Amino acid sequence: MDTFAEKINSVVLKKRRAVKIVENDFPVRVEVLQQKIGYRFKNLSILIHALMHKSAITPEHDPMGLSSNERLELLGDSILDFLVVEELFTRRPQLTEGQITSIKSLIVSRKIIGEVAEKINLQHALILGKCYENLRTSRTDVASNAFEALIAAIYLDGGIERVRDILQELLFPFIEHLVQEKENINYKSLVLEFLQGKGLPPAKYTILNESGPDHKKTFTIGIEIDGKKMGEAIGCTKKDAEQKAAKIAATKLGIV
């Protein structure tokens, strides 16, 4: 660890004119981060750059803020978009362009990226100005943005295959959950887009049964596509039952 700490310190010292403060245990935090992502950097300077929040930059020494990780965030954002779309394209060949775009936006959302950043304890490895120290104990966009910068740093240091491998472990496991999560996916829209792409008329939803008192009704909805019954579902509202019925049809059609 001493040799590793010396390497970290030498990199940080080279950037000292732009950095306000680096904690004494920073080398330990960087070592832990590399262990969690399963990747060891050949060029530590790239990793330090990815961890450098703009609050740690001294304006008089770096007025353009080029020492911060913002440019790497931009690159990392593009790399994430590409690899997530590639994964969806390969994993789910039935998805349309619109469906891939919709699901991709969920996967690279601040919520999901924030969870990944928290899992690898990224916020504890960031180089922050004193006024931003409280961000280490709360989930914020700072950690999400830093994850994008980290992805770019891994790409520059080890290539696209290493990034893809790391995302397979950290991010891609969310895909199946998000595809199936009813709160995140409008199954009626997915079915409609699919049918439009096939030149077929919209699905027909029919109320098969209503039961219960007015304040607590349940509805049974059937879905029919091109004259063929695709299934039925029960929900506490018509909309809920239609979504469930659409999900059944989407599964049978191979959309999800």
C-alpha atoms as a PDB file:
ATOM      1  CA  MET A   1       0.000   0.000   0.000  1.00  0.00           C
ATOM      2  CA  ASP A   2       2.930   2.362   0.745  1.00  0.00           C
ATOM      3  CA  THR A   3       4.205   2.166  -2.824  1.00  0.00           C
ATOM      4  CA  PHE A   4       0.717   2.695  -4.166  1.00  0.00           C
ATOM      5  CA  ALA A   5       0.195   5.686  -1.846  1.00  0.00           C
ATOM      6  CA  GLU A   6       3.454   7.189  -3.073  1.00  0.00           C
ATOM      7  CA  LYS A   7       2.262   6.873  -6.681  1.00  0.00           C
ATOM      8  CA  ILE A   8      -1.054   8.529  -5.826  1.00  0.00           C
ATOM      9  CA  ASN A   9       0.650  11.326  -3.942  1.00  0.00           C
ATOM     10  CA  SER A  10       3.051  12.031  -6.796  1.00  0.00           C
ATOM     11  CA  VAL A  11       0.131  12.367  -9.217  1.00  0.00           C
ATOM     12  CA  VAL A  12      -1.791  14.626  -6.847  1.00  0.00           C
ATOM     13  CA  LEU A  13       1.261  16.782  -6.194  1.00  0.00           C
ATOM     14  CA  LYS A  14       1.613  17.425  -9.923  1.00  0.00           C
ATOM     15  CA  LYS A  15      -1.953  18.756  -9.862  1.00  0.00           C
ATOM     16  CA  ARG A  16      -1.533  20.593  -6.546  1.00  0.00           C
ATOM     17  CA  ARG A  17      -1.722  24.027  -8.176  1.00  0.00           C
ATOM     18  CA  ALA A  18      -5.321  23.230  -9.117  1.00  0.00           C
ATOM     19  CA  VAL A  19      -6.383  21.248  -6.048  1.00  0.00           C
ATOM     20  CA  LYS A  20      -7.497  22.834  -2.791  1.00  0.00           C
ATOM     21  CA  ILE A  21      -7.480  19.776  -0.565  1.00  0.00           C
ATOM     22  CA  VAL A  22      -6.872  16.029  -0.712  1.00  0.00           C
ATOM     23  CA  GLU A  23      -7.520  13.913   2.392  1.00  0.00           C
ATOM     24  CA  ASN A  24      -4.695  11.900   3.963  1.00  0.00           C
ATOM     25  CA  ASP A  25      -6.544   8.617   3.387  1.00  0.00           C
ATOM     26  CA  PHE A  26      -7.175   9.382  -0.282  1.00  0.00           C
ATOM     27  CA  PRO A  27      -4.798   6.626  -1.547  1.00  0.00           C
ATOM     28  CA  VAL A  28      -6.757   4.090   0.505  1.00  0.00           C
ATOM     29  CA  ARG A  29     -10.056   5.299  -0.970  1.00  0.00           C
ATOM     30  CA  VAL A  30      -8.680   5.024  -4.491  1.00  0.00           C
ATOM     31  CA  GLU A  31      -7.405   1.517  -3.819  1.00  0.00           C
ATOM     32  CA  VAL A  32     -10.819   0.450  -2.498  1.00  0.00           C
ATOM     33  CA  LEU A  33     -12.544   1.939  -5.553  1.00  0.00           C
ATOM     34  CA  GLN A  34     -10.323  -0.008  -7.942  1.00  0.00           C
ATOM     35  CA  GLN A  35     -11.060  -3.198  -6.045  1.00  0.00           C
ATOM     36  CA  LYS A  36     -14.814  -2.598  -6.195  1.00  0.00           C
ATOM     37  CA  ILE A  37     -14.873  -1.982  -9.949  1.00  0.00           C
ATOM     38  CA  GLY A  38     -12.472  -4.829 -10.623  1.00  0.00           C
ATOM     39  CA  TYR A  39     -10.083  -2.711 -12.629  1.00  0.00           C
ATOM     40  CA  ARG A  40      -6.602  -1.380 -11.812  1.00  0.00           C
ATOM     41  CA  PHE A  41      -5.477   1.681 -13.728  1.00  0.00           C
ATOM     42  CA  LYS A  42      -2.201   1.688 -15.587  1.00  0.00           C
ATOM     43  CA  ASN A  43      -2.237   5.500 -15.695  1.00  0.00           C
ATOM     44  CA  LEU A  44      -3.268   6.826 -12.283  1.00  0.00           C
ATOM     45  CA  SER A  45      -3.366  10.375 -13.608  1.00  0.00           C
ATOM     46  CA  ILE A  46      -6.463   9.530 -15.678  1.00  0.00           C
ATOM     47  CA  LEU A  47      -8.220   8.110 -12.617  1.00  0.00           C
ATOM     48  CA  ILE A  48      -7.346  11.174 -10.503  1.00  0.00           C
ATOM     49  CA  HIS A  49      -8.740  13.390 -13.264  1.00  0.00           C
ATOM     50  CA  ALA A  50     -12.006  11.440 -13.226  1.00  0.00           C
ATOM     51  CA  LEU A  51     -12.339  11.924  -9.468  1.00  0.00           C
ATOM     52  CA  MET A  52     -11.624  15.669  -9.525  1.00  0.00           C
ATOM     53  CA  HIS A  53     -14.820  17.611  -8.821  1.00  0.00           C
ATOM     54  CA  LYS A  54     -14.926  21.226  -9.997  1.00  0.00           C
ATOM     55  CA  SER A  55     -15.256  22.418  -6.385  1.00  0.00           C
ATOM     56  CA  ALA A  56     -11.663  21.290  -5.805  1.00  0.00           C
ATOM     57  CA  ILE A  57     -10.291  23.511  -8.573  1.00  0.00           C
ATOM     58  CA  THR A  58      -8.556  26.792  -7.770  1.00  0.00           C
ATOM     59  CA  PRO A  59      -9.941  29.303 -10.330  1.00  0.00           C
ATOM     60  CA  GLU A  60      -6.868  31.521 -10.370  1.00  0.00           C
ATOM     61  CA  HIS A  61      -4.688  28.576 -11.374  1.00  0.00           C
ATOM     62  CA  ASP A  62      -7.200  26.865 -13.678  1.00  0.00           C
ATOM     63  CA  PRO A  63      -9.745  29.458 -14.865  1.00  0.00           C
ATOM     64  CA  MET A  64     -11.156  27.136 -17.547  1.00  0.00           C
ATOM     65  CA  GLY A  65     -11.653  24.307 -15.064  1.00  0.00           C
ATOM     66  CA  LEU A  66      -9.933  21.820 -17.358  1.00  0.00           C
ATOM     67  CA  SER A  67      -8.514  19.927 -14.391  1.00  0.00           C
ATOM     68  CA  SER A  68     -12.015  18.935 -13.290  1.00  0.00           C
ATOM     69  CA  ASN A  69     -13.779  15.788 -14.465  1.00  0.00           C
ATOM     70  CA  GLU A  70     -16.451  17.594 -16.494  1.00  0.00           C
ATOM     71  CA  ARG A  71     -14.964  16.835 -19.923  1.00  0.00           C
ATOM     72  CA  LEU A  72     -14.611  13.189 -18.943  1.00  0.00           C
ATOM     73  CA  GLU A  73     -18.278  13.197 -17.863  1.00  0.00           C
ATOM     74  CA  LEU A  74     -19.263  14.200 -21.392  1.00  0.00           C
ATOM     75  CA  LEU A  75     -17.214  11.405 -22.933  1.00  0.00           C
ATOM     76  CA  GLY A  76     -18.430   8.869 -20.391  1.00  0.00           C
ATOM     77  CA  ASP A  77     -22.057   9.816 -20.985  1.00  0.00           C
ATOM     78  CA  SER A  78     -21.659   9.042 -24.705  1.00  0.00           C
ATOM     79  CA  ILE A  79     -19.883   5.749 -23.996  1.00  0.00           C
ATOM     80  CA  LEU A  80     -22.636   4.675 -21.590  1.00  0.00           C
ATOM     81  CA  ASP A  81     -25.352   5.504 -24.122  1.00  0.00           C
ATOM     82  CA  PHE A  82     -23.579   3.528 -26.830  1.00  0.00           C
ATOM     83  CA  LEU A  83     -22.915   0.418 -24.743  1.00  0.00           C
ATOM     84  CA  VAL A  84     -26.399   0.324 -23.215  1.00  0.00           C
ATOM     85  CA  VAL A  85     -28.028   0.655 -26.652  1.00  0.00           C
ATOM     86  CA  GLU A  86     -25.692  -2.042 -27.986  1.00  0.00           C
ATOM     87  CA  GLU A  87     -26.666  -4.359 -25.124  1.00  0.00           C
ATOM     88  CA  LEU A  88     -30.392  -3.736 -25.640  1.00  0.00           C
ATOM     89  CA  PHE A  89     -30.036  -4.148 -29.403  1.00  0.00           C
ATOM     90  CA  THR A  90     -28.314  -7.502 -28.957  1.00  0.00           C
ATOM     91  CA  ARG A  91     -30.306  -8.803 -26.001  1.00  0.00           C
ATOM     92  CA  ARG A  92     -33.789  -7.834 -27.212  1.00  0.00           C
ATOM     93  CA  PRO A  93     -33.959  -7.995 -31.035  1.00  0.00           C
ATOM     94  CA  GLN A  94     -37.757  -7.512 -30.937  1.00  0.00           C
ATOM     95  CA  LEU A  95     -37.529  -4.005 -29.471  1.00  0.00           C
ATOM     96  CA  THR A  96     -38.232  -1.066 -31.771  1.00  0.00           C
ATOM     97  CA  GLU A  97     -36.101   2.066 -31.939  1.00  0.00           C
ATOM     98  CA  GLY A  98     -38.549   3.898 -29.687  1.00  0.00           C
ATOM     99  CA  GLN A  99     -38.588   1.095 -27.130  1.00  0.00           C
ATOM    100  CA  ILE A 100     -34.794   0.893 -27.013  1.00  0.00           C
ATOM    101  CA  THR A 101     -34.578   4.653 -26.545  1.00  0.00           C
ATOM    102  CA  SER A 102     -37.151   4.575 -23.762  1.00  0.00           C
ATOM    103  CA  ILE A 103     -35.523   1.728 -21.851  1.00  0.00           C
ATOM    104  CA  LYS A 104     -32.037   3.160 -22.373  1.00  0.00           C
ATOM    105  CA  SER A 105     -33.103   6.436 -20.765  1.00  0.00           C
ATOM    106  CA  LEU A 106     -34.249   4.492 -17.698  1.00  0.00           C
ATOM    107  CA  ILE A 107     -31.016   2.534 -17.401  1.00  0.00           C
ATOM    108  CA  VAL A 108     -28.752   5.595 -17.631  1.00  0.00           C
ATOM    109  CA  SER A 109     -31.020   7.686 -15.402  1.00  0.00           C
ATOM    110  CA  ARG A 110     -29.596   9.489 -12.377  1.00  0.00           C
ATOM    111  CA  LYS A 111     -31.517   7.053 -10.166  1.00  0.00           C
ATOM    112  CA  ILE A 112     -29.875   3.904 -11.536  1.00  0.00           C
ATOM    113  CA  ILE A 113     -26.429   5.396 -12.094  1.00  0.00           C
ATOM    114  CA  GLY A 114     -26.623   6.834  -8.588  1.00  0.00           C
ATOM    115  CA  GLU A 115     -27.305   3.350  -7.183  1.00  0.00           C
ATOM    116  CA  VAL A 116     -24.295   1.956  -9.035  1.00  0.00           C
ATOM    117  CA  ALA A 117     -22.083   4.817  -7.836  1.00  0.00           C
ATOM    118  CA  GLU A 118     -23.238   4.176  -4.285  1.00  0.00           C
ATOM    119  CA  LYS A 119     -22.570   0.440  -4.612  1.00  0.00           C
ATOM    120  CA  ILE A 120     -18.913   1.068  -5.482  1.00  0.00           C
ATOM    121  CA  ASN A 121     -18.617   3.815  -2.839  1.00  0.00           C
ATOM    122  CA  LEU A 122     -17.562   6.283  -5.520  1.00  0.00           C
ATOM    123  CA  GLN A 123     -18.522   9.376  -3.523  1.00  0.00           C
ATOM    124  CA  HIS A 124     -15.877   8.521  -0.914  1.00  0.00           C
ATOM    125  CA  ALA A 125     -13.114   8.546  -3.525  1.00  0.00           C
ATOM    126  CA  LEU A 126     -13.981  11.935  -5.020  1.00  0.00           C
ATOM    127  CA  ILE A 127     -11.725  14.941  -4.628  1.00  0.00           C
ATOM    128  CA  LEU A 128     -14.066  17.647  -3.346  1.00  0.00           C
ATOM    129  CA  GLY A 129     -13.717  21.204  -2.128  1.00  0.00           C
ATOM    130  CA  LYS A 130     -14.350  21.768   1.588  1.00  0.00           C
ATOM    131  CA  CYS A 131     -17.839  23.162   0.988  1.00  0.00           C
ATOM    132  CA  TYR A 132     -18.849  19.946  -0.790  1.00  0.00           C
ATOM    133  CA  GLU A 133     -17.651  17.471   1.842  1.00  0.00           C
ATOM    134  CA  ASN A 134     -21.212  16.815   3.031  1.00  0.00           C
ATOM    135  CA  LEU A 135     -21.936  15.204  -0.350  1.00  0.00           C
ATOM    136  CA  ARG A 136     -20.050  12.094   0.724  1.00  0.00           C
ATOM    137  CA  THR A 137     -22.957  11.030   2.919  1.00  0.00           C
ATOM    138  CA  SER A 138     -25.859  11.734   0.543  1.00  0.00           C
ATOM    139  CA  ARG A 139     -26.858  10.459  -2.881  1.00  0.00           C
ATOM    140  CA  THR A 140     -26.489  13.315  -5.349  1.00  0.00           C
ATOM    141  CA  ASP A 141     -25.886  13.972  -9.017  1.00  0.00           C
ATOM    142  CA  VAL A 142     -22.218  14.562  -8.170  1.00  0.00           C
ATOM    143  CA  ALA A 143     -21.595  10.828  -7.736  1.00  0.00           C
ATOM    144  CA  SER A 144     -23.673   9.996 -10.826  1.00  0.00           C
ATOM    145  CA  ASN A 145     -21.686  12.447 -12.934  1.00  0.00           C
ATOM    146  CA  ALA A 146     -18.443  11.115 -11.510  1.00  0.00           C
ATOM    147  CA  PHE A 147     -19.447   7.589 -12.569  1.00  0.00           C
ATOM    148  CA  GLU A 148     -19.677   8.823 -16.159  1.00  0.00           C
ATOM    149  CA  ALA A 149     -16.226  10.352 -15.783  1.00  0.00           C
ATOM    150  CA  LEU A 150     -14.934   7.083 -14.327  1.00  0.00           C
ATOM    151  CA  ILE A 151     -16.312   5.160 -17.320  1.00  0.00           C
ATOM    152  CA  ALA A 152     -14.473   7.527 -19.660  1.00  0.00           C
ATOM    153  CA  ALA A 153     -11.268   7.090 -17.650  1.00  0.00           C
ATOM    154  CA  ILE A 154     -11.506   3.293 -17.880  1.00  0.00           C
ATOM    155  CA  TYR A 155     -12.099   3.586 -21.632  1.00  0.00           C
ATOM    156  CA  LEU A 156      -9.039   5.798 -22.110  1.00  0.00           C
ATOM    157  CA  ASP A 157      -6.878   3.606 -19.896  1.00  0.00           C
ATOM    158  CA  GLY A 158      -8.029   0.121 -20.865  1.00  0.00           C
ATOM    159  CA  GLY A 159     -10.275   0.291 -23.924  1.00  0.00           C
ATOM    160  CA  ILE A 160     -13.929  -0.333 -24.707  1.00  0.00           C
ATOM    161  CA  GLU A 161     -13.872  -4.057 -23.863  1.00  0.00           C
ATOM    162  CA  ARG A 162     -12.860  -3.376 -20.255  1.00  0.00           C
ATOM    163  CA  VAL A 163     -15.704  -0.864 -19.948  1.00  0.00           C
ATOM    164  CA  ARG A 164     -18.153  -3.374 -21.400  1.00  0.00           C
ATOM    165  CA  ASP A 165     -16.999  -6.042 -18.917  1.00  0.00           C
ATOM    166  CA  ILE A 166     -17.416  -3.684 -15.966  1.00  0.00           C
ATOM    167  CA  LEU A 167     -20.886  -2.597 -17.074  1.00  0.00           C
ATOM    168  CA  GLN A 168     -21.886  -6.256 -17.398  1.00  0.00           C
ATOM    169  CA  GLU A 169     -21.203  -6.547 -13.682  1.00  0.00           C
ATOM    170  CA  LEU A 170     -22.424  -3.188 -12.413  1.00  0.00           C
ATOM    171  CA  LEU A 171     -25.112  -1.796 -14.723  1.00  0.00           C
ATOM    172  CA  PHE A 172     -26.518  -4.346 -17.159  1.00  0.00           C
ATOM    173  CA  PRO A 173     -28.126  -6.491 -14.404  1.00  0.00           C
ATOM    174  CA  PHE A 174     -30.676  -3.663 -14.075  1.00  0.00           C
ATOM    175  CA  ILE A 175     -31.892  -4.217 -17.645  1.00  0.00           C
ATOM    176  CA  GLU A 176     -34.210  -7.159 -17.090  1.00  0.00           C
ATOM    177  CA  HIS A 177     -35.698  -5.575 -13.992  1.00  0.00           C
ATOM    178  CA  LEU A 178     -36.432  -2.333 -15.806  1.00  0.00           C
ATOM    179  CA  VAL A 179     -37.848  -4.069 -18.851  1.00  0.00           C
ATOM    180  CA  GLN A 180     -40.278  -5.993 -16.668  1.00  0.00           C
ATOM    181  CA  GLU A 181     -41.083  -3.241 -14.154  1.00  0.00           C
ATOM    182  CA  LYS A 182     -44.633  -2.137 -14.815  1.00  0.00           C
ATOM    183  CA  GLU A 183     -44.135   1.286 -13.225  1.00  0.00           C
ATOM    184  CA  ASN A 184     -41.428   2.087 -15.728  1.00  0.00           C
ATOM    185  CA  ILE A 185     -42.881   0.621 -18.904  1.00  0.00           C
ATOM    186  CA  ASN A 186     -46.148   1.433 -20.609  1.00  0.00           C
ATOM    187  CA  TYR A 187     -47.066  -1.967 -22.020  1.00  0.00           C
ATOM    188  CA  LYS A 188     -50.031  -0.576 -23.955  1.00  0.00           C
ATOM    189  CA  SER A 189     -47.653   1.776 -25.770  1.00  0.00           C
ATOM    190  CA  LEU A 190     -45.184  -1.035 -26.448  1.00  0.00           C
ATOM    191  CA  VAL A 191     -47.932  -3.192 -27.956  1.00  0.00           C
ATOM    192  CA  LEU A 192     -49.270  -0.272 -29.987  1.00  0.00           C
ATOM    193  CA  GLU A 193     -45.811   0.577 -31.403  1.00  0.00           C
ATOM    194  CA  PHE A 194     -45.200  -3.077 -32.235  1.00  0.00           C
ATOM    195  CA  LEU A 195     -48.512  -3.419 -34.086  1.00  0.00           C
ATOM    196  CA  GLN A 196     -48.010  -0.158 -35.956  1.00  0.00           C
ATOM    197  CA  GLY A 197     -44.613  -1.425 -37.078  1.00  0.00           C
ATOM    198  CA  LYS A 198     -46.301  -4.550 -38.435  1.00  0.00           C
ATOM    199  CA  GLY A 199     -49.022  -2.545 -40.175  1.00  0.00           C
ATOM    200  CA  LEU A 200     -51.702  -4.018 -37.912  1.00  0.00           C
ATOM    201  CA  PRO A 201     -54.650  -2.221 -36.281  1.00  0.00           C
ATOM    202  CA  PRO A 202     -54.439  -1.266 -32.576  1.00  0.00           C
ATOM    203  CA  ALA A 203     -55.224  -3.846 -29.884  1.00  0.00           C
ATOM    204  CA  LYS A 204     -58.834  -4.047 -28.735  1.00  0.00           C
ATOM    205  CA  TYR A 205     -59.467  -3.927 -24.969  1.00  0.00           C
ATOM    206  CA  THR A 206     -62.826  -5.221 -23.717  1.00  0.00           C
ATOM    207  CA  ILE A 207     -64.334  -5.140 -20.220  1.00  0.00           C
ATOM    208  CA  LEU A 208     -65.233  -8.773 -19.510  1.00  0.00           C
ATOM    209  CA  ASN A 209     -66.404  -8.293 -15.949  1.00  0.00           C
ATOM    210  CA  GLU A 210     -66.883  -5.713 -13.184  1.00  0.00           C
ATOM    211  CA  SER A 211     -67.309  -6.716  -9.553  1.00  0.00           C
ATOM    212  CA  GLY A 212     -67.357  -5.205  -6.067  1.00  0.00           C
ATOM    213  CA  PRO A 213     -68.823  -2.000  -4.601  1.00  0.00           C
ATOM    214  CA  ASP A 214     -68.370   1.339  -6.367  1.00  0.00           C
ATOM    215  CA  HIS A 215     -65.549   2.405  -4.026  1.00  0.00           C
ATOM    216  CA  LYS A 216     -63.668  -0.863  -4.471  1.00  0.00           C
ATOM    217  CA  LYS A 217     -64.381  -2.244  -7.930  1.00  0.00           C
ATOM    218  CA  THR A 218     -62.261  -4.728  -9.798  1.00  0.00           C
ATOM    219  CA  PHE A 219     -62.198  -5.020 -13.573  1.00  0.00           C
ATOM    220  CA  THR A 220     -61.440  -7.949 -15.847  1.00  0.00           C
ATOM    221  CA  ILE A 221     -60.102  -6.770 -19.199  1.00  0.00           C
ATOM    222  CA  GLY A 222     -59.500  -8.890 -22.269  1.00  0.00           C
ATOM    223  CA  ILE A 223     -57.072  -7.973 -25.045  1.00  0.00           C
ATOM    224  CA  GLU A 224     -57.580  -8.930 -28.668  1.00  0.00           C
ATOM    225  CA  ILE A 225     -55.069  -8.421 -31.476  1.00  0.00           C
ATOM    226  CA  ASP A 226     -55.982  -8.804 -35.133  1.00  0.00           C
ATOM    227  CA  GLY A 227     -59.051 -10.818 -34.166  1.00  0.00           C
ATOM    228  CA  LYS A 228     -57.104 -13.135 -31.861  1.00  0.00           C
ATOM    229  CA  LYS A 229     -57.646 -13.219 -28.087  1.00  0.00           C
ATOM    230  CA  MET A 230     -54.296 -12.713 -26.379  1.00  0.00           C
ATOM    231  CA  GLY A 231     -55.296 -12.925 -22.720  1.00  0.00           C
ATOM    232  CA  GLU A 232     -57.103 -11.220 -19.880  1.00  0.00           C
ATOM    233  CA  ALA A 233     -56.203  -9.597 -16.577  1.00  0.00           C
ATOM    234  CA  ILE A 234     -57.787  -8.229 -13.409  1.00  0.00           C
ATOM    235  CA  GLY A 235     -57.052  -4.811 -11.949  1.00  0.00           C
ATOM    236  CA  CYS A 236     -58.413  -2.331  -9.419  1.00  0.00           C
ATOM    237  CA  THR A 237     -58.929   0.175 -12.268  1.00  0.00           C
ATOM    238  CA  LYS A 238     -59.598  -0.210 -15.981  1.00  0.00           C
ATOM    239  CA  LYS A 239     -56.195   1.308 -16.729  1.00  0.00           C
ATOM    240  CA  ASP A 240     -54.412  -1.109 -14.403  1.00  0.00           C
ATOM    241  CA  ALA A 241     -56.199  -4.114 -15.899  1.00  0.00           C
ATOM    242  CA  GLU A 242     -55.451  -2.934 -19.445  1.00  0.00           C
ATOM    243  CA  GLN A 243     -51.755  -2.564 -18.629  1.00  0.00           C
ATOM    244  CA  LYS A 244     -51.656  -6.071 -17.171  1.00  0.00           C
ATOM    245  CA  ALA A 245     -53.457  -7.479 -20.197  1.00  0.00           C
ATOM    246  CA  ALA A 246     -51.084  -5.617 -22.507  1.00  0.00           C
ATOM    247  CA  LYS A 247     -48.111  -7.081 -20.614  1.00  0.00           C
ATOM    248  CA  ILE A 248     -49.474 -10.596 -21.225  1.00  0.00           C
ATOM    249  CA  ALA A 249     -49.833  -9.841 -24.921  1.00  0.00           C
ATOM    250  CA  ALA A 250     -46.385  -8.218 -25.080  1.00  0.00           C
ATOM    251  CA  THR A 251     -44.865 -11.369 -23.599  1.00  0.00           C
ATOM    252  CA  LYS A 252     -46.661 -13.615 -26.081  1.00  0.00           C
ATOM    253  CA  LEU A 253     -45.581 -11.389 -28.956  1.00  0.00           C
ATOM    254  CA  GLY A 254     -41.960 -11.539 -27.801  1.00  0.00           C
ATOM    255  CA  ILE A 255     -41.722  -7.803 -27.241  1.00  0.00           C
ATOM    256  CA  VAL A 256     -40.455  -8.216 -23.667  1.00  0.00           C
END
